[in-house]
N, C-alpha and C. Protein backbone atom coordinates (compact mmCIF):
# COMPACT_ATOMS: atom_id res chain seq x y z
N MET A 1 18.15 13.16 14.30
CA MET A 1 17.63 14.89 14.06
C MET A 1 16.64 14.52 13.11
N SER A 2 15.67 15.50 12.78
CA SER A 2 14.94 15.43 11.67
C SER A 2 15.29 16.45 10.92
N LYS A 3 15.37 16.09 9.51
CA LYS A 3 15.50 17.10 8.37
C LYS A 3 14.30 17.70 7.76
N ARG A 4 14.60 19.11 7.58
CA ARG A 4 13.25 19.71 7.56
C ARG A 4 12.98 19.41 6.08
N LYS A 5 11.41 19.68 5.65
CA LYS A 5 11.02 18.92 4.68
C LYS A 5 10.79 20.09 3.34
N GLN A 6 11.57 19.89 2.26
CA GLN A 6 11.47 20.87 1.01
C GLN A 6 10.04 20.69 0.18
N HIS A 7 9.63 21.68 0.35
CA HIS A 7 8.20 21.54 -0.56
C HIS A 7 8.59 22.32 -2.01
N HIS A 8 8.24 21.65 -2.94
CA HIS A 8 8.27 22.26 -4.44
C HIS A 8 7.34 23.54 -4.75
N PRO A 9 7.83 24.42 -5.45
CA PRO A 9 7.22 25.64 -5.54
C PRO A 9 5.65 25.55 -6.45
N GLU A 10 5.78 24.37 -6.95
CA GLU A 10 4.30 24.10 -7.58
C GLU A 10 3.20 23.90 -6.32
N PHE A 11 3.99 22.82 -5.43
CA PHE A 11 3.09 22.69 -4.29
C PHE A 11 2.67 23.79 -3.35
N LYS A 12 3.75 24.86 -3.50
CA LYS A 12 3.55 25.99 -2.54
C LYS A 12 2.22 27.05 -3.21
N ALA A 13 2.61 27.00 -4.50
CA ALA A 13 1.51 28.00 -5.38
C ALA A 13 0.37 27.11 -5.06
N LYS A 14 0.07 26.08 -5.20
CA LYS A 14 -1.37 25.28 -4.88
C LYS A 14 -1.83 25.67 -3.60
N VAL A 15 -1.12 25.52 -2.52
CA VAL A 15 -1.75 25.88 -1.27
C VAL A 15 -2.12 26.99 -1.00
N ALA A 16 -1.01 28.04 -1.69
CA ALA A 16 -1.44 29.65 -1.49
C ALA A 16 -2.67 30.02 -2.14
N LEU A 17 -2.89 29.34 -3.35
CA LEU A 17 -4.05 29.83 -3.86
C LEU A 17 -5.26 29.40 -3.48
N GLU A 18 -5.14 28.20 -2.87
CA GLU A 18 -6.39 27.56 -1.97
C GLU A 18 -6.62 28.38 -0.75
N ALA A 19 -5.50 29.06 0.10
CA ALA A 19 -5.71 29.90 0.88
C ALA A 19 -6.24 31.29 0.60
N LEU A 20 -5.80 31.66 -0.71
CA LEU A 20 -6.72 32.97 -1.24
C LEU A 20 -7.87 32.72 -1.59
N LYS A 21 -8.48 31.35 -2.02
CA LYS A 21 -9.64 31.02 -2.20
C LYS A 21 -10.46 31.73 -0.83
N GLY A 22 -10.18 31.33 0.08
CA GLY A 22 -11.25 31.44 1.36
C GLY A 22 -11.89 30.34 1.58
N GLU A 23 -11.91 29.36 0.75
CA GLU A 23 -12.96 28.49 1.03
C GLU A 23 -13.13 27.72 2.43
N GLU A 24 -11.76 27.45 2.66
CA GLU A 24 -11.39 26.83 3.74
C GLU A 24 -10.48 27.50 4.71
N THR A 25 -10.48 27.42 5.93
CA THR A 25 -9.62 28.04 7.04
C THR A 25 -8.01 27.56 6.85
N VAL A 26 -7.27 28.28 7.22
CA VAL A 26 -5.86 27.87 6.93
C VAL A 26 -5.46 26.79 7.97
N SER A 27 -6.07 26.74 9.23
CA SER A 27 -6.10 25.60 9.95
C SER A 27 -6.43 24.20 9.20
N GLN A 28 -7.73 24.41 8.56
CA GLN A 28 -8.09 23.08 7.81
C GLN A 28 -7.11 22.92 6.34
N LEU A 29 -6.65 24.04 6.04
CA LEU A 29 -5.66 23.41 4.71
C LEU A 29 -4.25 23.05 5.46
N ALA A 30 -4.22 23.63 6.75
CA ALA A 30 -2.82 23.04 7.19
C ALA A 30 -2.99 21.47 7.45
N SER A 31 -3.99 20.92 8.03
CA SER A 31 -4.20 19.70 8.33
C SER A 31 -4.41 18.82 7.00
N ARG A 32 -5.14 19.36 5.93
CA ARG A 32 -5.13 18.74 4.73
C ARG A 32 -3.97 18.80 3.92
N PHE A 33 -2.89 19.64 3.95
CA PHE A 33 -1.92 19.44 3.12
C PHE A 33 -0.62 19.07 4.23
N ALA A 34 -0.82 19.04 5.68
CA ALA A 34 0.18 18.26 6.33
C ALA A 34 1.38 19.38 6.23
N VAL A 35 1.07 20.55 6.50
CA VAL A 35 2.08 21.68 7.00
C VAL A 35 1.71 22.70 8.05
N HIS A 36 2.56 23.60 8.49
CA HIS A 36 1.99 24.29 9.54
C HIS A 36 1.57 25.76 8.87
N PRO A 37 0.24 26.06 9.94
CA PRO A 37 -0.31 27.44 9.23
C PRO A 37 0.72 28.45 8.95
N THR A 38 1.51 28.80 9.71
CA THR A 38 2.46 29.93 9.49
C THR A 38 2.93 29.63 8.31
N MET A 39 3.36 28.52 7.54
CA MET A 39 4.16 28.41 6.35
C MET A 39 3.04 28.80 5.19
N ILE A 40 1.70 28.47 5.60
CA ILE A 40 0.35 28.90 4.72
C ILE A 40 0.79 30.26 4.68
N HIS A 41 0.55 30.77 5.71
CA HIS A 41 0.68 32.42 5.58
C HIS A 41 1.91 32.74 4.95
N GLN A 42 3.12 32.46 4.85
CA GLN A 42 4.35 32.82 4.71
C GLN A 42 3.92 32.67 2.92
N TRP A 43 3.44 31.52 2.45
CA TRP A 43 3.37 31.34 1.23
C TRP A 43 2.52 32.13 0.39
N LYS A 44 1.38 32.29 1.08
CA LYS A 44 0.51 33.51 0.74
C LYS A 44 0.81 34.83 0.47
N ARG A 45 1.41 35.31 1.51
CA ARG A 45 2.06 36.80 1.54
C ARG A 45 3.22 36.78 0.25
N THR A 46 4.30 35.69 0.22
CA THR A 46 4.79 35.56 -1.15
C THR A 46 4.24 35.61 -2.54
N LEU A 47 3.31 34.97 -2.42
CA LEU A 47 2.41 34.76 -3.76
C LEU A 47 1.61 36.32 -3.76
N LEU A 48 1.28 37.01 -2.99
CA LEU A 48 0.53 37.98 -3.24
C LEU A 48 1.65 39.51 -3.42
N GLU A 49 3.02 39.15 -2.67
CA GLU A 49 3.96 40.24 -3.24
C GLU A 49 4.56 39.91 -4.61
N GLY A 50 4.94 38.64 -5.03
CA GLY A 50 5.26 38.41 -6.28
C GLY A 50 4.19 38.36 -7.33
N ALA A 51 3.37 38.63 -7.09
CA ALA A 51 1.93 38.35 -8.44
C ALA A 51 1.70 39.56 -9.20
N SER A 52 2.61 40.69 -9.07
CA SER A 52 2.73 41.83 -10.12
C SER A 52 3.84 41.45 -10.93
N GLY A 53 4.84 40.76 -10.46
CA GLY A 53 5.84 40.40 -11.44
C GLY A 53 5.07 39.61 -12.51
N VAL A 54 4.23 38.56 -12.79
CA VAL A 54 3.72 37.77 -13.35
C VAL A 54 3.43 38.78 -14.58
N PHE A 55 2.83 39.68 -14.52
CA PHE A 55 2.31 40.72 -15.59
C PHE A 55 3.28 41.90 -16.13
N GLU A 56 4.41 41.77 -15.57
CA GLU A 56 5.47 42.78 -16.00
C GLU A 56 5.70 42.71 -17.38
N ARG A 57 6.38 43.38 -18.26
CA ARG A 57 6.55 43.24 -19.62
C ARG A 57 7.68 42.60 -19.73
N GLY A 58 7.75 41.74 -20.72
CA GLY A 58 9.01 40.84 -20.77
C GLY A 58 9.14 39.49 -19.95
N SER A 59 8.21 39.52 -18.81
CA SER A 59 8.03 38.71 -17.74
C SER A 59 9.08 37.77 -17.33
N ARG A 60 10.19 38.24 -17.98
CA ARG A 60 11.51 37.30 -17.70
C ARG A 60 12.50 38.40 -17.24
N ARG A 61 12.98 38.08 -15.90
CA ARG A 61 14.03 39.33 -15.33
C ARG A 61 15.44 39.02 -15.89
N ALA A 62 16.40 39.56 -16.30
CA ALA A 62 17.84 39.46 -16.82
C ALA A 62 18.30 38.79 -15.70
N PRO A 63 19.24 37.82 -15.87
CA PRO A 63 19.74 37.32 -14.82
C PRO A 63 20.66 38.32 -14.36
N GLU A 64 21.17 37.55 -13.03
CA GLU A 64 22.15 38.75 -12.33
C GLU A 64 23.38 38.18 -12.72
N VAL A 65 23.93 39.06 -13.19
CA VAL A 65 25.92 38.66 -13.56
C VAL A 65 26.52 38.72 -12.64
N ASP A 66 27.40 37.95 -11.87
CA ASP A 66 28.38 37.95 -10.98
C ASP A 66 29.58 38.08 -11.55
N GLU A 67 29.93 39.63 -11.59
CA GLU A 67 31.24 40.33 -12.56
C GLU A 67 32.64 39.40 -12.05
N GLU A 68 32.89 39.16 -10.78
CA GLU A 68 33.88 38.25 -10.61
C GLU A 68 34.11 37.03 -11.20
N GLN A 69 32.68 36.19 -11.04
CA GLN A 69 32.47 34.87 -11.53
C GLN A 69 33.32 35.01 -13.08
N VAL A 70 32.49 35.99 -14.10
CA VAL A 70 32.43 36.31 -15.19
C VAL A 70 34.35 36.40 -15.26
N LYS A 71 34.85 37.28 -14.63
CA LYS A 71 36.32 37.49 -14.89
C LYS A 71 37.26 36.22 -14.57
N ASP A 72 36.74 35.23 -13.45
CA ASP A 72 37.40 34.11 -13.36
C ASP A 72 37.16 33.18 -14.48
N LEU A 73 35.87 32.93 -15.00
CA LEU A 73 35.72 32.29 -16.17
C LEU A 73 36.46 32.46 -17.50
N LEU A 74 36.47 33.91 -17.65
CA LEU A 74 37.09 34.28 -18.75
C LEU A 74 38.65 34.00 -19.00
N ALA A 75 39.38 34.29 -17.62
CA ALA A 75 40.80 33.62 -17.29
C ALA A 75 41.14 32.57 -17.41
N LYS A 76 40.00 31.48 -16.92
CA LYS A 76 40.31 30.02 -16.99
C LYS A 76 40.11 29.92 -18.63
N ILE A 77 39.42 30.39 -19.71
CA ILE A 77 39.35 30.11 -20.91
C ILE A 77 40.16 30.34 -21.59
N GLY A 78 41.30 31.59 -21.23
CA GLY A 78 42.31 32.31 -21.97
C GLY A 78 43.31 30.99 -21.42
N GLU A 79 43.66 30.58 -20.44
CA GLU A 79 44.65 29.47 -19.96
C GLU A 79 44.04 28.13 -20.71
N LEU A 80 43.26 28.01 -20.84
CA LEU A 80 42.68 26.57 -21.79
C LEU A 80 42.94 26.84 -23.09
N ALA A 81 42.87 28.03 -23.97
CA ALA A 81 43.23 28.45 -24.74
C ALA A 81 44.60 28.25 -25.22
N VAL A 82 45.44 28.74 -24.31
CA VAL A 82 47.04 28.66 -24.66
C VAL A 82 47.36 27.17 -24.31
N ALA A 83 46.98 26.33 -23.26
CA ALA A 83 47.59 25.03 -23.04
C ALA A 83 46.91 24.21 -24.58
N ASN A 84 45.87 24.68 -25.05
CA ASN A 84 45.38 23.87 -26.36
C ASN A 84 46.35 24.04 -27.35
N ASP A 85 46.82 25.65 -27.72
CA ASP A 85 47.57 25.86 -28.78
C ASP A 85 49.09 25.32 -28.45
N PHE A 86 49.44 25.19 -27.33
CA PHE A 86 50.85 24.67 -26.89
C PHE A 86 50.61 23.01 -27.48
N LEU A 87 49.78 22.21 -26.84
CA LEU A 87 49.53 21.06 -27.17
C LEU A 87 49.02 20.92 -28.75
N ALA A 88 48.53 21.62 -29.35
CA ALA A 88 48.34 21.51 -30.85
C ALA A 88 49.68 21.58 -31.75
N ARG A 89 50.76 22.54 -30.93
CA ARG A 89 51.70 22.72 -31.55
C ARG A 89 52.73 21.50 -31.44
N LYS A 90 52.94 20.82 -29.82
CA LYS A 90 53.83 19.88 -29.84
C LYS A 90 53.01 18.34 -30.37
N LEU A 91 52.14 18.25 -30.62
CA LEU A 91 51.43 17.14 -31.16
C LEU A 91 51.73 17.19 -32.74
N LYS A 92 52.08 18.53 -33.00
CA LYS A 92 51.77 18.41 -34.75
C LYS A 92 52.88 17.51 -35.66
N PRO A 93 54.16 17.02 -35.06
CA PRO A 93 54.97 16.39 -35.76
C PRO A 93 54.36 14.66 -35.69
N TRP A 94 53.73 14.29 -34.67
CA TRP A 94 52.73 12.67 -34.67
C TRP A 94 51.70 13.05 -35.56
N THR A 95 51.08 13.71 -35.70
CA THR A 95 49.72 13.76 -36.52
C THR A 95 50.14 14.16 -37.99
N GLY A 96 50.96 14.82 -38.20
CA GLY A 96 51.30 14.92 -39.33
C GLY A 96 50.52 16.36 -40.14
N LYS A 97 50.01 16.90 -39.41
CA LYS A 97 49.05 17.92 -39.77
C LYS A 97 49.65 19.46 -39.68
């Protein structure tokens, strides 16, 4: 079984920019970079669709917060704080503090 090759985002951007320049055909780029022409078309389309995001104010989007995960993590913090307090009280006679 063959495994799909994973390309780095930098490589994808480089190939898509080359395709946008139009100096070579997609077939030539595909053979030069050893990728399928369909992938080049997809990367080019993705680059064009996402290009406006580069110029947005703040340029960084706020990370999406998973409320369920936040609740789970806060519950875990509470459990650990209770366990820590319990252990601190139980170890007090041995540490002398």
